[in-house]
Amino acid sequence: MIDPNLDHVGLVVTELEPAMAALSAQLGLEWMGIFEPTLAMRDAEHGTRDVQLKIAVTTQYPRLELIQMIPDSPWALAESRMLLHHLAYYAGDLAADSSRVAGPCPIEIHGVGADGKTPKRFTYHLHNGLRFELLDQRSGRAE
């Protein structure tokens, strides 16, 4: 079952550090730091590939997640501006919950485990222009 409580809102930005500084100055946001994980992901266009993300997450709830743009990916930007990218929710059973909503809300991209199993960690779904992310409850909530 999907937890209806919003976990975070994701924004794609051209450059992470200037966006963090601007949002801190304008909104008083505080950040947990910058994280640069490399995650295996799969989508229809590229198949499975490793993607290096550069992200920052606020300490305040619901969290604001900034993702530095990545060309030729769901995190690409057509213009040099911030873009509302997704809303994120935790799923009790990521595979079952993402499969249940995939009919009307197709999976755009999803995480791949080291063993090749999918989905792992997250799925992005699209519904009438709205992108939402389901997060694996077992991966743990953001700290």
C-alpha atoms as a PDB file:
ATOM      1  CA  MET A   1       0.000   0.000   0.000  1.00  0.00           C
ATOM      2  CA  ILE A   2       1.251   3.464  -0.873  1.00  0.00           C
ATOM      3  CA  ASP A   3       1.647   5.834   2.080  1.00  0.00           C
ATOM      4  CA  PRO A   4      -0.405   8.935   1.092  1.00  0.00           C
ATOM      5  CA  ASN A   5       1.817  11.258   3.151  1.00  0.00           C
ATOM      6  CA  LEU A   6       4.113  13.260   0.894  1.00  0.00           C
ATOM      7  CA  ASP A   7       7.786  12.460   1.569  1.00  0.00           C
ATOM      8  CA  HIS A   8       9.436  14.982  -0.742  1.00  0.00           C
ATOM      9  CA  VAL A   9       9.141  17.194  -3.797  1.00  0.00           C
ATOM     10  CA  GLY A  10      11.893  16.886  -6.388  1.00  0.00           C
ATOM     11  CA  LEU A  11      13.191  19.812  -8.446  1.00  0.00           C
ATOM     12  CA  VAL A  12      15.699  19.584 -11.288  1.00  0.00           C
ATOM     13  CA  VAL A  13      18.160  22.483 -11.372  1.00  0.00           C
ATOM     14  CA  THR A  14      20.901  23.529 -13.780  1.00  0.00           C
ATOM     15  CA  GLU A  15      23.585  23.797 -11.070  1.00  0.00           C
ATOM     16  CA  LEU A  16      23.094  22.418  -7.586  1.00  0.00           C
ATOM     17  CA  GLU A  17      25.173  24.734  -5.384  1.00  0.00           C
ATOM     18  CA  PRO A  18      23.785  28.071  -6.702  1.00  0.00           C
ATOM     19  CA  ALA A  19      20.231  26.712  -6.407  1.00  0.00           C
ATOM     20  CA  MET A  20      20.872  25.613  -2.825  1.00  0.00           C
ATOM     21  CA  ALA A  21      22.301  29.030  -1.948  1.00  0.00           C
ATOM     22  CA  ALA A  22      19.384  30.876  -3.548  1.00  0.00           C
ATOM     23  CA  LEU A  23      16.725  28.756  -1.825  1.00  0.00           C
ATOM     24  CA  SER A  24      18.534  29.059   1.512  1.00  0.00           C
ATOM     25  CA  ALA A  25      18.660  32.851   1.170  1.00  0.00           C
ATOM     26  CA  GLN A  26      15.086  33.212  -0.098  1.00  0.00           C
ATOM     27  CA  LEU A  27      13.263  30.569   1.954  1.00  0.00           C
ATOM     28  CA  GLY A  28      15.596  29.877   4.878  1.00  0.00           C
ATOM     29  CA  LEU A  29      16.058  26.243   3.845  1.00  0.00           C
ATOM     30  CA  GLU A  30      18.765  24.127   5.437  1.00  0.00           C
ATOM     31  CA  TRP A  31      20.457  21.217   3.669  1.00  0.00           C
ATOM     32  CA  MET A  32      21.711  17.802   4.776  1.00  0.00           C
ATOM     33  CA  GLY A  33      24.594  18.149   2.330  1.00  0.00           C
ATOM     34  CA  ILE A  34      25.336  17.101  -1.221  1.00  0.00           C
ATOM     35  CA  PHE A  35      25.090  13.439  -2.171  1.00  0.00           C
ATOM     36  CA  GLU A  36      26.535  11.916  -5.347  1.00  0.00           C
ATOM     37  CA  PRO A  37      25.285   8.325  -5.565  1.00  0.00           C
ATOM     38  CA  THR A  38      25.730   6.174  -8.659  1.00  0.00           C
ATOM     39  CA  LEU A  39      22.620   4.056  -9.164  1.00  0.00           C
ATOM     40  CA  ALA A  40      21.785   1.365 -11.694  1.00  0.00           C
ATOM     41  CA  MET A  41      18.603   2.341 -13.528  1.00  0.00           C
ATOM     42  CA  ARG A  42      16.539   1.027 -16.400  1.00  0.00           C
ATOM     43  CA  ASP A  43      14.314   2.766 -18.920  1.00  0.00           C
ATOM     44  CA  ALA A  44      12.919   1.822 -22.321  1.00  0.00           C
ATOM     45  CA  GLU A  45      15.238   4.110 -24.286  1.00  0.00           C
ATOM     46  CA  HIS A  46      18.604   3.218 -22.684  1.00  0.00           C
ATOM     47  CA  GLY A  47      18.069  -0.153 -21.012  1.00  0.00           C
ATOM     48  CA  THR A  48      20.075  -0.650 -17.821  1.00  0.00           C
ATOM     49  CA  ARG A  49      22.837   1.850 -17.105  1.00  0.00           C
ATOM     50  CA  ASP A  50      24.612   3.463 -14.170  1.00  0.00           C
ATOM     51  CA  VAL A  51      23.597   7.064 -13.549  1.00  0.00           C
ATOM     52  CA  GLN A  52      25.539   9.399 -11.267  1.00  0.00           C
ATOM     53  CA  LEU A  53      23.196  11.753  -9.476  1.00  0.00           C
ATOM     54  CA  LYS A  54      24.142  14.942  -7.678  1.00  0.00           C
ATOM     55  CA  ILE A  55      21.422  15.787  -5.173  1.00  0.00           C
ATOM     56  CA  ALA A  56      20.744  17.824  -2.060  1.00  0.00           C
ATOM     57  CA  VAL A  57      17.887  17.341   0.391  1.00  0.00           C
ATOM     58  CA  THR A  58      16.486  19.776   2.945  1.00  0.00           C
ATOM     59  CA  THR A  59      16.335  19.043   6.651  1.00  0.00           C
ATOM     60  CA  GLN A  60      12.767  20.387   6.802  1.00  0.00           C
ATOM     61  CA  TYR A  61       9.652  18.279   6.057  1.00  0.00           C
ATOM     62  CA  PRO A  62       8.250  17.638   3.626  1.00  0.00           C
ATOM     63  CA  ARG A  63      11.692  17.473   2.119  1.00  0.00           C
ATOM     64  CA  LEU A  64      12.745  19.400  -0.960  1.00  0.00           C
ATOM     65  CA  GLU A  65      15.118  17.384  -3.149  1.00  0.00           C
ATOM     66  CA  LEU A  66      17.265  19.228  -5.679  1.00  0.00           C
ATOM     67  CA  ILE A  67      18.706  17.162  -8.523  1.00  0.00           C
ATOM     68  CA  GLN A  68      21.370  18.586 -10.806  1.00  0.00           C
ATOM     69  CA  MET A  69      20.311  18.143 -14.424  1.00  0.00           C
ATOM     70  CA  ILE A  70      21.600  15.163 -16.423  1.00  0.00           C
ATOM     71  CA  PRO A  71      21.354  15.441 -20.219  1.00  0.00           C
ATOM     72  CA  ASP A  72      19.477  12.674 -22.076  1.00  0.00           C
ATOM     73  CA  SER A  73      17.676  11.444 -18.958  1.00  0.00           C
ATOM     74  CA  PRO A  74      14.462  12.105 -17.028  1.00  0.00           C
ATOM     75  CA  TRP A  75      16.529  14.789 -15.231  1.00  0.00           C
ATOM     76  CA  ALA A  76      17.283  16.800 -18.393  1.00  0.00           C
ATOM     77  CA  LEU A  77      16.278  20.455 -18.701  1.00  0.00           C
ATOM     78  CA  ALA A  78      15.223  22.167 -21.923  1.00  0.00           C
ATOM     79  CA  GLU A  79      15.822  25.601 -20.394  1.00  0.00           C
ATOM     80  CA  SER A  80      18.154  27.018 -17.756  1.00  0.00           C
ATOM     81  CA  ARG A  81      15.640  27.120 -14.905  1.00  0.00           C
ATOM     82  CA  MET A  82      14.302  25.078 -12.004  1.00  0.00           C
ATOM     83  CA  LEU A  83      11.690  22.496 -12.926  1.00  0.00           C
ATOM     84  CA  LEU A  84       9.192  20.763 -10.671  1.00  0.00           C
ATOM     85  CA  HIS A  85      10.154  17.164 -11.393  1.00  0.00           C
ATOM     86  CA  HIS A  86       8.195  14.831  -9.110  1.00  0.00           C
ATOM     87  CA  LEU A  87       6.249  14.169  -5.922  1.00  0.00           C
ATOM     88  CA  ALA A  88       7.490  11.209  -3.860  1.00  0.00           C
ATOM     89  CA  TYR A  89       5.673   8.698  -1.673  1.00  0.00           C
ATOM     90  CA  TYR A  90       6.740   5.530   0.155  1.00  0.00           C
ATOM     91  CA  ALA A  91       5.382   2.186  -1.030  1.00  0.00           C
ATOM     92  CA  GLY A  92       4.868  -0.712   1.377  1.00  0.00           C
ATOM     93  CA  ASP A  93       5.746  -3.179  -1.405  1.00  0.00           C
ATOM     94  CA  LEU A  94       7.492  -1.369  -4.254  1.00  0.00           C
ATOM     95  CA  ALA A  95       7.107  -4.159  -6.831  1.00  0.00           C
ATOM     96  CA  ALA A  96       3.415  -4.781  -6.105  1.00  0.00           C
ATOM     97  CA  ASP A  97       2.449  -1.126  -5.693  1.00  0.00           C
ATOM     98  CA  SER A  98       4.278   0.068  -8.813  1.00  0.00           C
ATOM     99  CA  SER A  99       2.817  -2.821 -10.820  1.00  0.00           C
ATOM    100  CA  ARG A 100      -0.685  -1.949  -9.573  1.00  0.00           C
ATOM    101  CA  VAL A 101      -0.474   1.679 -10.735  1.00  0.00           C
ATOM    102  CA  ALA A 102       1.578   1.003 -13.907  1.00  0.00           C
ATOM    103  CA  GLY A 103      -1.522   0.448 -16.080  1.00  0.00           C
ATOM    104  CA  PRO A 104      -2.859   4.002 -15.960  1.00  0.00           C
ATOM    105  CA  CYS A 105       0.503   5.455 -14.830  1.00  0.00           C
ATOM    106  CA  PRO A 106       3.333   3.905 -16.883  1.00  0.00           C
ATOM    107  CA  ILE A 107       6.782   3.447 -15.375  1.00  0.00           C
ATOM    108  CA  GLU A 108       9.229   5.949 -16.858  1.00  0.00           C
ATOM    109  CA  ILE A 109      12.401   4.699 -15.146  1.00  0.00           C
ATOM    110  CA  HIS A 110      13.203   2.507 -12.158  1.00  0.00           C
ATOM    111  CA  GLY A 111      16.105   1.391 -10.033  1.00  0.00           C
ATOM    112  CA  VAL A 112      17.903  -1.912 -10.649  1.00  0.00           C
ATOM    113  CA  GLY A 113      19.438  -4.001  -7.874  1.00  0.00           C
ATOM    114  CA  ALA A 114      22.993  -5.373  -7.966  1.00  0.00           C
ATOM    115  CA  ASP A 115      21.421  -8.765  -8.676  1.00  0.00           C
ATOM    116  CA  GLY A 116      19.571  -7.323 -11.696  1.00  0.00           C
ATOM    117  CA  LYS A 117      16.178  -7.469  -9.999  1.00  0.00           C
ATOM    118  CA  THR A 118      13.697  -4.700 -10.639  1.00  0.00           C
ATOM    119  CA  PRO A 119      12.228  -2.487  -9.482  1.00  0.00           C
ATOM    120  CA  LYS A 120      14.739  -1.588  -6.791  1.00  0.00           C
ATOM    121  CA  ARG A 121      14.752   1.513  -4.532  1.00  0.00           C
ATOM    122  CA  PHE A 122      12.346   3.613  -6.661  1.00  0.00           C
ATOM    123  CA  THR A 123      10.062   3.894  -9.681  1.00  0.00           C
ATOM    124  CA  TYR A 124       8.964   7.019 -11.552  1.00  0.00           C
ATOM    125  CA  HIS A 125       5.428   6.920 -12.945  1.00  0.00           C
ATOM    126  CA  LEU A 126       3.703   9.359 -15.300  1.00  0.00           C
ATOM    127  CA  HIS A 127       0.037  10.311 -15.175  1.00  0.00           C
ATOM    128  CA  ASN A 128      -1.308  13.081 -17.427  1.00  0.00           C
ATOM    129  CA  GLY A 129       1.944  15.057 -17.187  1.00  0.00           C
ATOM    130  CA  LEU A 130       2.427  14.513 -13.433  1.00  0.00           C
ATOM    131  CA  ARG A 131       5.482  12.480 -12.466  1.00  0.00           C
ATOM    132  CA  PHE A 132       5.434  10.726  -9.120  1.00  0.00           C
ATOM    133  CA  GLU A 133       8.059   8.578  -7.464  1.00  0.00           C
ATOM    134  CA  LEU A 134       7.392   5.504  -5.378  1.00  0.00           C
ATOM    135  CA  LEU A 135      10.150   4.746  -2.867  1.00  0.00           C
ATOM    136  CA  ASP A 136      10.923   1.331  -1.429  1.00  0.00           C
ATOM    137  CA  GLN A 137       9.940   1.394   2.247  1.00  0.00           C
ATOM    138  CA  ARG A 138      12.764  -1.083   2.969  1.00  0.00           C
ATOM    139  CA  SER A 139      15.393   1.320   1.591  1.00  0.00           C
ATOM    140  CA  GLY A 140      14.660   3.559   4.551  1.00  0.00           C
ATOM    141  CA  ARG A 141      13.347   7.050   4.805  1.00  0.00           C
ATOM    142  CA  ALA A 142      15.618  10.017   4.182  1.00  0.00           C
ATOM    143  CA  GLU A 143      17.434  11.035   7.306  1.00  0.00           C
END
